[in-house]
Amino acid sequence: MAEHQKRIDGLIAEHAEGWTLDRMPAVDRNILRIAVLEMVWRDDIPDRVAIDEAVELAKSVSTDRSPAFVNGLLASLLDVKPSAVD
């Protein structure tokens, strides 16, 4: 993940409407980082599985609004995924 950190954070920032990385709860930011890594650089993990797991994790460890935020951000990334890959 370290070699993709800047690109991952950039993708999150591009799709986080009205939020900056610094303003996001740390747990949400890290859930998103893992999911983006899986979606963009891990061909062995289906995109929908990465999204579903991220949403479920947000439900169990973050705020009540986090699952919808995580789902929405990752869904918007999924729409542009082919152009997201370096």
PDB file of N, CA and C in Angstrom:
ATOM      1  N   MET A   1       0.823  -1.189   0.000  1.00  0.00           N
ATOM      2  CA  MET A   1       0.000   0.000   0.000  1.00  0.00           C
ATOM      3  C   MET A   1       0.870   1.259   0.000  1.00  0.00           C
ATOM      4  N   ALA A   2       2.003   1.212   0.627  1.00  0.00           N
ATOM      5  CA  ALA A   2       2.835   2.403   0.764  1.00  0.00           C
ATOM      6  C   ALA A   2       3.221   3.000  -0.580  1.00  0.00           C
ATOM      7  N   GLU A   3       3.503   2.155  -1.562  1.00  0.00           N
ATOM      8  CA  GLU A   3       3.908   2.691  -2.856  1.00  0.00           C
ATOM      9  C   GLU A   3       2.769   3.377  -3.602  1.00  0.00           C
ATOM     10  N   HIS A   4       1.529   3.110  -3.192  1.00  0.00           N
ATOM     11  CA  HIS A   4       0.353   3.710  -3.835  1.00  0.00           C
ATOM     12  C   HIS A   4      -0.319   4.779  -2.967  1.00  0.00           C
ATOM     13  N   GLN A   5       0.262   5.094  -1.825  1.00  0.00           N
ATOM     14  CA  GLN A   5      -0.378   5.975  -0.839  1.00  0.00           C
ATOM     15  C   GLN A   5      -0.826   7.316  -1.420  1.00  0.00           C
ATOM     16  N   LYS A   6       0.042   7.993  -2.147  1.00  0.00           N
ATOM     17  CA  LYS A   6      -0.319   9.304  -2.686  1.00  0.00           C
ATOM     18  C   LYS A   6      -1.479   9.191  -3.672  1.00  0.00           C
ATOM     19  N   ARG A   7      -1.424   8.195  -4.546  1.00  0.00           N
ATOM     20  CA  ARG A   7      -2.490   8.020  -5.542  1.00  0.00           C
ATOM     21  C   ARG A   7      -3.795   7.634  -4.859  1.00  0.00           C
ATOM     22  N   ILE A   8      -3.739   6.772  -3.860  1.00  0.00           N
ATOM     23  CA  ILE A   8      -4.937   6.375  -3.115  1.00  0.00           C
ATOM     24  C   ILE A   8      -5.565   7.602  -2.455  1.00  0.00           C
ATOM     25  N   ASP A   9      -4.768   8.384  -1.755  1.00  0.00           N
ATOM     26  CA  ASP A   9      -5.296   9.577  -1.099  1.00  0.00           C
ATOM     27  C   ASP A   9      -5.844  10.570  -2.119  1.00  0.00           C
ATOM     28  N   GLY A  10      -5.189  10.667  -3.263  1.00  0.00           N
ATOM     29  CA  GLY A  10      -5.679  11.550  -4.312  1.00  0.00           C
ATOM     30  C   GLY A  10      -7.035  11.113  -4.836  1.00  0.00           C
ATOM     31  N   LEU A  11      -7.203   9.814  -5.037  1.00  0.00           N
ATOM     32  CA  LEU A  11      -8.493   9.295  -5.509  1.00  0.00           C
ATOM     33  C   LEU A  11      -9.591   9.529  -4.482  1.00  0.00           C
ATOM     34  N   ILE A  12      -9.271   9.316  -3.223  1.00  0.00           N
ATOM     35  CA  ILE A  12     -10.259   9.557  -2.165  1.00  0.00           C
ATOM     36  C   ILE A  12     -10.643  11.034  -2.156  1.00  0.00           C
ATOM     37  N   ALA A  13      -9.656  11.903  -2.206  1.00  0.00           N
ATOM     38  CA  ALA A  13      -9.914  13.348  -2.177  1.00  0.00           C
ATOM     39  C   ALA A  13     -10.762  13.788  -3.374  1.00  0.00           C
ATOM     40  N   GLU A  14     -10.503  13.214  -4.543  1.00  0.00           N
ATOM     41  CA  GLU A  14     -11.262  13.562  -5.745  1.00  0.00           C
ATOM     42  C   GLU A  14     -12.738  13.202  -5.621  1.00  0.00           C
ATOM     43  N   HIS A  15     -13.034  12.142  -4.897  1.00  0.00           N
ATOM     44  CA  HIS A  15     -14.400  11.627  -4.834  1.00  0.00           C
ATOM     45  C   HIS A  15     -15.117  11.934  -3.522  1.00  0.00           C
ATOM     46  N   ALA A  16     -14.454  12.594  -2.613  1.00  0.00           N
ATOM     47  CA  ALA A  16     -15.049  12.939  -1.317  1.00  0.00           C
ATOM     48  C   ALA A  16     -15.664  14.335  -1.407  1.00  0.00           C
ATOM     49  N   GLU A  17     -16.846  14.401  -1.926  1.00  0.00           N
ATOM     50  CA  GLU A  17     -17.504  15.690  -2.117  1.00  0.00           C
ATOM     51  C   GLU A  17     -17.750  16.381  -0.775  1.00  0.00           C
ATOM     52  N   GLY A  18     -17.188  17.564  -0.639  1.00  0.00           N
ATOM     53  CA  GLY A  18     -17.383  18.342   0.570  1.00  0.00           C
ATOM     54  C   GLY A  18     -16.521  17.931   1.749  1.00  0.00           C
ATOM     55  N   TRP A  19     -15.611  16.990   1.551  1.00  0.00           N
ATOM     56  CA  TRP A  19     -14.749  16.529   2.641  1.00  0.00           C
ATOM     57  C   TRP A  19     -13.295  16.561   2.193  1.00  0.00           C
ATOM     58  N   THR A  20     -12.412  16.904   3.108  1.00  0.00           N
ATOM     59  CA  THR A  20     -10.985  16.745   2.871  1.00  0.00           C
ATOM     60  C   THR A  20     -10.535  15.521   3.651  1.00  0.00           C
ATOM     61  N   LEU A  21      -9.396  14.992   3.293  1.00  0.00           N
ATOM     62  CA  LEU A  21      -8.878  13.826   4.030  1.00  0.00           C
ATOM     63  C   LEU A  21      -8.693  14.138   5.505  1.00  0.00           C
ATOM     64  N   ASP A  22      -8.207  15.324   5.801  1.00  0.00           N
ATOM     65  CA  ASP A  22      -7.960  15.705   7.197  1.00  0.00           C
ATOM     66  C   ASP A  22      -9.252  15.814   8.001  1.00  0.00           C
ATOM     67  N   ARG A  23     -10.336  16.120   7.332  1.00  0.00           N
ATOM     68  CA  ARG A  23     -11.603  16.316   8.028  1.00  0.00           C
ATOM     69  C   ARG A  23     -12.355  14.997   8.273  1.00  0.00           C
ATOM     70  N   MET A  24     -12.014  13.966   7.526  1.00  0.00           N
ATOM     71  CA  MET A  24     -12.673  12.664   7.686  1.00  0.00           C
ATOM     72  C   MET A  24     -12.244  12.008   8.987  1.00  0.00           C
ATOM     73  N   PRO A  25     -13.153  11.254   9.602  1.00  0.00           N
ATOM     74  CA  PRO A  25     -12.711  10.442  10.737  1.00  0.00           C
ATOM     75  C   PRO A  25     -11.586   9.506  10.285  1.00  0.00           C
ATOM     76  N   ALA A  26     -10.590   9.339  11.104  1.00  0.00           N
ATOM     77  CA  ALA A  26      -9.426   8.518  10.741  1.00  0.00           C
ATOM     78  C   ALA A  26      -9.833   7.101  10.354  1.00  0.00           C
ATOM     79  N   VAL A  27     -10.805   6.545  11.051  1.00  0.00           N
ATOM     80  CA  VAL A  27     -11.214   5.179  10.739  1.00  0.00           C
ATOM     81  C   VAL A  27     -11.830   5.114   9.337  1.00  0.00           C
ATOM     82  N   ASP A  28     -12.629   6.106   8.958  1.00  0.00           N
ATOM     83  CA  ASP A  28     -13.215   6.123   7.613  1.00  0.00           C
ATOM     84  C   ASP A  28     -12.130   6.275   6.554  1.00  0.00           C
ATOM     85  N   ARG A  29     -11.207   7.163   6.809  1.00  0.00           N
ATOM     86  CA  ARG A  29     -10.104   7.397   5.873  1.00  0.00           C
ATOM     87  C   ARG A  29      -9.329   6.103   5.626  1.00  0.00           C
ATOM     88  N   ASN A  30      -9.074   5.358   6.679  1.00  0.00           N
ATOM     89  CA  ASN A  30      -8.303   4.125   6.530  1.00  0.00           C
ATOM     90  C   ASN A  30      -9.117   2.998   5.905  1.00  0.00           C
ATOM     91  N   ILE A  31     -10.394   2.924   6.195  1.00  0.00           N
ATOM     92  CA  ILE A  31     -11.268   1.961   5.518  1.00  0.00           C
ATOM     93  C   ILE A  31     -11.268   2.250   4.024  1.00  0.00           C
ATOM     94  N   LEU A  32     -11.389   3.519   3.668  1.00  0.00           N
ATOM     95  CA  LEU A  32     -11.385   3.903   2.254  1.00  0.00           C
ATOM     96  C   LEU A  32     -10.046   3.585   1.600  1.00  0.00           C
ATOM     97  N   ARG A  33      -8.969   3.812   2.283  1.00  0.00           N
ATOM     98  CA  ARG A  33      -7.646   3.510   1.720  1.00  0.00           C
ATOM     99  C   ARG A  33      -7.515   2.032   1.367  1.00  0.00           C
ATOM    100  N   ILE A  34      -7.954   1.182   2.272  1.00  0.00           N
ATOM    101  CA  ILE A  34      -7.882  -0.259   2.019  1.00  0.00           C
ATOM    102  C   ILE A  34      -8.763  -0.630   0.828  1.00  0.00           C
ATOM    103  N   ALA A  35      -9.982  -0.112   0.802  1.00  0.00           N
ATOM    104  CA  ALA A  35     -10.914  -0.450  -0.276  1.00  0.00           C
ATOM    105  C   ALA A  35     -10.408   0.049  -1.629  1.00  0.00           C
ATOM    106  N   VAL A  36      -9.871   1.260  -1.668  1.00  0.00           N
ATOM    107  CA  VAL A  36      -9.346   1.791  -2.935  1.00  0.00           C
ATOM    108  C   VAL A  36      -8.172   0.939  -3.413  1.00  0.00           C
ATOM    109  N   LEU A  37      -7.293   0.568  -2.523  1.00  0.00           N
ATOM    110  CA  LEU A  37      -6.190  -0.316  -2.887  1.00  0.00           C
ATOM    111  C   LEU A  37      -6.721  -1.606  -3.495  1.00  0.00           C
ATOM    112  N   GLU A  38      -7.703  -2.206  -2.851  1.00  0.00           N
ATOM    113  CA  GLU A  38      -8.270  -3.455  -3.358  1.00  0.00           C
ATOM    114  C   GLU A  38      -8.950  -3.269  -4.710  1.00  0.00           C
ATOM    115  N   MET A  39      -9.660  -2.175  -4.877  1.00  0.00           N
ATOM    116  CA  MET A  39     -10.395  -1.950  -6.121  1.00  0.00           C
ATOM    117  C   MET A  39      -9.477  -1.647  -7.307  1.00  0.00           C
ATOM    118  N   VAL A  40      -8.427  -0.903  -7.067  1.00  0.00           N
ATOM    119  CA  VAL A  40      -7.601  -0.435  -8.174  1.00  0.00           C
ATOM    120  C   VAL A  40      -6.409  -1.352  -8.454  1.00  0.00           C
ATOM    121  N   TRP A  41      -5.803  -1.913  -7.414  1.00  0.00           N
ATOM    122  CA  TRP A  41      -4.580  -2.676  -7.627  1.00  0.00           C
ATOM    123  C   TRP A  41      -4.680  -4.167  -7.324  1.00  0.00           C
ATOM    124  N   ARG A  42      -5.797  -4.647  -6.861  1.00  0.00           N
ATOM    125  CA  ARG A  42      -5.930  -6.076  -6.544  1.00  0.00           C
ATOM    126  C   ARG A  42      -6.974  -6.709  -7.464  1.00  0.00           C
ATOM    127  N   ASP A  43      -6.506  -7.347  -8.515  1.00  0.00           N
ATOM    128  CA  ASP A  43      -7.412  -7.977  -9.474  1.00  0.00           C
ATOM    129  C   ASP A  43      -8.103  -9.211  -8.905  1.00  0.00           C
ATOM    130  N   ASP A  44      -7.565  -9.765  -7.831  1.00  0.00           N
ATOM    131  CA  ASP A  44      -8.148 -10.977  -7.249  1.00  0.00           C
ATOM    132  C   ASP A  44      -9.330 -10.683  -6.320  1.00  0.00           C
ATOM    133  N   ILE A  45      -9.631  -9.410  -6.095  1.00  0.00           N
ATOM    134  CA  ILE A  45     -10.754  -9.025  -5.231  1.00  0.00           C
ATOM    135  C   ILE A  45     -11.781  -8.285  -6.080  1.00  0.00           C
ATOM    136  N   PRO A  46     -12.972  -8.852  -6.237  1.00  0.00           N
ATOM    137  CA  PRO A  46     -14.009  -8.159  -7.014  1.00  0.00           C
ATOM    138  C   PRO A  46     -14.351  -6.806  -6.378  1.00  0.00           C
ATOM    139  N   ASP A  47     -14.592  -5.820  -7.220  1.00  0.00           N
ATOM    140  CA  ASP A  47     -14.875  -4.469  -6.725  1.00  0.00           C
ATOM    141  C   ASP A  47     -16.034  -4.453  -5.743  1.00  0.00           C
ATOM    142  N   ARG A  48     -17.103  -5.144  -6.067  1.00  0.00           N
ATOM    143  CA  ARG A  48     -18.277  -5.149  -5.182  1.00  0.00           C
ATOM    144  C   ARG A  48     -17.970  -5.776  -3.827  1.00  0.00           C
ATOM    145  N   VAL A  49     -17.092  -6.747  -3.804  1.00  0.00           N
ATOM    146  CA  VAL A  49     -16.683  -7.353  -2.530  1.00  0.00           C
ATOM    147  C   VAL A  49     -15.901  -6.334  -1.699  1.00  0.00           C
ATOM    148  N   ALA A  50     -14.981  -5.625  -2.332  1.00  0.00           N
ATOM    149  CA  ALA A  50     -14.214  -4.599  -1.617  1.00  0.00           C
ATOM    150  C   ALA A  50     -15.141  -3.531  -1.041  1.00  0.00           C
ATOM    151  N   ILE A  51     -16.123  -3.112  -1.851  1.00  0.00           N
ATOM    152  CA  ILE A  51     -17.071  -2.094  -1.384  1.00  0.00           C
ATOM    153  C   ILE A  51     -17.919  -2.633  -0.242  1.00  0.00           C
ATOM    154  N   ASP A  52     -18.488  -3.820  -0.408  1.00  0.00           N
ATOM    155  CA  ASP A  52     -19.333  -4.403   0.636  1.00  0.00           C
ATOM    156  C   ASP A  52     -18.575  -4.585   1.949  1.00  0.00           C
ATOM    157  N   GLU A  53     -17.342  -5.062   1.859  1.00  0.00           N
ATOM    158  CA  GLU A  53     -16.549  -5.250   3.076  1.00  0.00           C
ATOM    159  C   GLU A  53     -16.237  -3.920   3.752  1.00  0.00           C
ATOM    160  N   ALA A  54     -15.955  -2.904   2.949  1.00  0.00           N
ATOM    161  CA  ALA A  54     -15.672  -1.581   3.517  1.00  0.00           C
ATOM    162  C   ALA A  54     -16.902  -1.015   4.218  1.00  0.00           C
ATOM    163  N   VAL A  55     -18.058  -1.177   3.597  1.00  0.00           N
ATOM    164  CA  VAL A  55     -19.305  -0.681   4.195  1.00  0.00           C
ATOM    165  C   VAL A  55     -19.600  -1.433   5.495  1.00  0.00           C
ATOM    166  N   GLU A  56     -19.449  -2.742   5.482  1.00  0.00           N
ATOM    167  CA  GLU A  56     -19.689  -3.535   6.695  1.00  0.00           C
ATOM    168  C   GLU A  56     -18.716  -3.149   7.810  1.00  0.00           C
ATOM    169  N   LEU A  57     -17.473  -2.910   7.457  1.00  0.00           N
ATOM    170  CA  LEU A  57     -16.494  -2.489   8.458  1.00  0.00           C
ATOM    171  C   LEU A  57     -16.869  -1.126   9.027  1.00  0.00           C
ATOM    172  N   ALA A  58     -17.295  -0.209   8.169  1.00  0.00           N
ATOM    173  CA  ALA A  58     -17.727   1.111   8.641  1.00  0.00           C
ATOM    174  C   ALA A  58     -18.928   0.992   9.574  1.00  0.00           C
ATOM    175  N   LYS A  59     -19.837   0.069   9.279  1.00  0.00           N
ATOM    176  CA  LYS A  59     -20.999  -0.147  10.155  1.00  0.00           C
ATOM    177  C   LYS A  59     -20.564  -0.591  11.543  1.00  0.00           C
ATOM    178  N   SER A  60     -19.524  -1.405  11.591  1.00  0.00           N
ATOM    179  CA  SER A  60     -19.146  -1.982  12.888  1.00  0.00           C
ATOM    180  C   SER A  60     -18.188  -1.115  13.698  1.00  0.00           C
ATOM    181  N   VAL A  61     -17.427  -0.223  13.047  1.00  0.00           N
ATOM    182  CA  VAL A  61     -16.420   0.511  13.816  1.00  0.00           C
ATOM    183  C   VAL A  61     -16.492   2.032  13.692  1.00  0.00           C
ATOM    184  N   SER A  62     -17.449   2.551  12.935  1.00  0.00           N
ATOM    185  CA  SER A  62     -17.462   3.998  12.746  1.00  0.00           C
ATOM    186  C   SER A  62     -18.829   4.586  13.084  1.00  0.00           C
ATOM    187  N   THR A  63     -19.095   5.778  12.594  1.00  0.00           N
ATOM    188  CA  THR A  63     -20.318   6.490  12.934  1.00  0.00           C
ATOM    189  C   THR A  63     -21.521   5.960  12.153  1.00  0.00           C
ATOM    190  N   ASP A  64     -22.699   6.390  12.530  1.00  0.00           N
ATOM    191  CA  ASP A  64     -23.921   5.966  11.848  1.00  0.00           C
ATOM    192  C   ASP A  64     -23.963   6.411  10.389  1.00  0.00           C
ATOM    193  N   ARG A  65     -23.321   7.520  10.081  1.00  0.00           N
ATOM    194  CA  ARG A  65     -23.338   8.059   8.719  1.00  0.00           C
ATOM    195  C   ARG A  65     -22.215   7.505   7.849  1.00  0.00           C
ATOM    196  N   SER A  66     -21.239   6.891   8.462  1.00  0.00           N
ATOM    197  CA  SER A  66     -20.066   6.427   7.728  1.00  0.00           C
ATOM    198  C   SER A  66     -20.358   5.384   6.654  1.00  0.00           C
ATOM    199  N   PRO A  67     -21.209   4.388   6.896  1.00  0.00           N
ATOM    200  CA  PRO A  67     -21.457   3.395   5.844  1.00  0.00           C
ATOM    201  C   PRO A  67     -21.963   4.015   4.544  1.00  0.00           C
ATOM    202  N   ALA A  68     -22.880   4.961   4.638  1.00  0.00           N
ATOM    203  CA  ALA A  68     -23.397   5.612   3.435  1.00  0.00           C
ATOM    204  C   ALA A  68     -22.306   6.439   2.753  1.00  0.00           C
ATOM    205  N   PHE A  69     -21.488   7.123   3.537  1.00  0.00           N
ATOM    206  CA  PHE A  69     -20.393   7.917   2.986  1.00  0.00           C
ATOM    207  C   PHE A  69     -19.393   7.022   2.259  1.00  0.00           C
ATOM    208  N   VAL A  70     -18.985   5.947   2.908  1.00  0.00           N
ATOM    209  CA  VAL A  70     -18.028   5.009   2.316  1.00  0.00           C
ATOM    210  C   VAL A  70     -18.607   4.404   1.041  1.00  0.00           C
ATOM    211  N   ASN A  71     -19.847   3.975   1.093  1.00  0.00           N
ATOM    212  CA  ASN A  71     -20.485   3.376  -0.075  1.00  0.00           C
ATOM    213  C   ASN A  71     -20.556   4.370  -1.236  1.00  0.00           C
ATOM    214  N   GLY A  72     -20.984   5.580  -0.960  1.00  0.00           N
ATOM    215  CA  GLY A  72     -21.112   6.584  -2.003  1.00  0.00           C
ATOM    216  C   GLY A  72     -19.785   6.946  -2.647  1.00  0.00           C
ATOM    217  N   LEU A  73     -18.767   7.127  -1.830  1.00  0.00           N
ATOM    218  CA  LEU A  73     -17.456   7.479  -2.364  1.00  0.00           C
ATOM    219  C   LEU A  73     -16.904   6.351  -3.227  1.00  0.00           C
ATOM    220  N   LEU A  74     -16.991   5.125  -2.739  1.00  0.00           N
ATOM    221  CA  LEU A  74     -16.445   3.998  -3.493  1.00  0.00           C
ATOM    222  C   LEU A  74     -17.255   3.731  -4.761  1.00  0.00           C
ATOM    223  N   ALA A  75     -18.563   3.944  -4.710  1.00  0.00           N
ATOM    224  CA  ALA A  75     -19.388   3.780  -5.909  1.00  0.00           C
ATOM    225  C   ALA A  75     -19.011   4.809  -6.965  1.00  0.00           C
ATOM    226  N   SER A  76     -18.729   6.043  -6.548  1.00  0.00           N
ATOM    227  CA  SER A  76     -18.328   7.058  -7.528  1.00  0.00           C
ATOM    228  C   SER A  76     -16.959   6.730  -8.121  1.00  0.00           C
ATOM    229  N   LEU A  77     -16.082   6.161  -7.330  1.00  0.00           N
ATOM    230  CA  LEU A  77     -14.785   5.732  -7.842  1.00  0.00           C
ATOM    231  C   LEU A  77     -14.954   4.583  -8.834  1.00  0.00           C
ATOM    232  N   LEU A  78     -15.853   3.682  -8.526  1.00  0.00           N
ATOM    233  CA  LEU A  78     -16.094   2.543  -9.407  1.00  0.00           C
ATOM    234  C   LEU A  78     -16.529   3.007 -10.796  1.00  0.00           C
ATOM    235  N   ASP A  79     -17.290   4.081 -10.861  1.00  0.00           N
ATOM    236  CA  ASP A  79     -17.758   4.626 -12.137  1.00  0.00           C
ATOM    237  C   ASP A  79     -16.611   5.101 -13.032  1.00  0.00           C
ATOM    238  N   VAL A  80     -15.503   5.508 -12.426  1.00  0.00           N
ATOM    239  CA  VAL A  80     -14.374   6.027 -13.206  1.00  0.00           C
ATOM    240  C   VAL A  80     -13.122   5.158 -13.063  1.00  0.00           C
ATOM    241  N   LYS A  81     -13.286   3.974 -12.552  1.00  0.00           N
ATOM    242  CA  LYS A  81     -12.146   3.128 -12.244  1.00  0.00           C
ATOM    243  C   LYS A  81     -11.152   2.945 -13.392  1.00  0.00           C
ATOM    244  N   PRO A  82     -11.575   2.697 -14.608  1.00  0.00           N
ATOM    245  CA  PRO A  82     -10.567   2.510 -15.661  1.00  0.00           C
ATOM    246  C   PRO A  82      -9.610   3.688 -15.814  1.00  0.00           C
ATOM    247  N   SER A  83     -10.086   4.898 -15.590  1.00  0.00           N
ATOM    248  CA  SER A  83      -9.197   6.056 -15.713  1.00  0.00           C
ATOM    249  C   SER A  83      -8.393   6.313 -14.439  1.00  0.00           C
ATOM    250  N   ALA A  84      -8.713   5.611 -13.354  1.00  0.00           N
ATOM    251  CA  ALA A  84      -8.030   5.814 -12.083  1.00  0.00           C
ATOM    252  C   ALA A  84      -6.705   5.098 -12.010  1.00  0.00           C
ATOM    253  N   VAL A  85      -6.549   4.065 -12.810  1.00  0.00           N
ATOM    254  CA  VAL A  85      -5.328   3.256 -12.760  1.00  0.00           C
ATOM    255  C   VAL A  85      -4.199   4.012 -13.433  1.00  0.00           C
ATOM    256  N   ASP A  86      -3.060   4.049 -12.752  1.00  0.00           N
ATOM    257  CA  ASP A  86      -1.871   4.740 -13.310  1.00  0.00           C
ATOM    258  C   ASP A  86      -1.358   4.002 -14.515  1.00  0.00           C
TER     259      ASP A  86
END
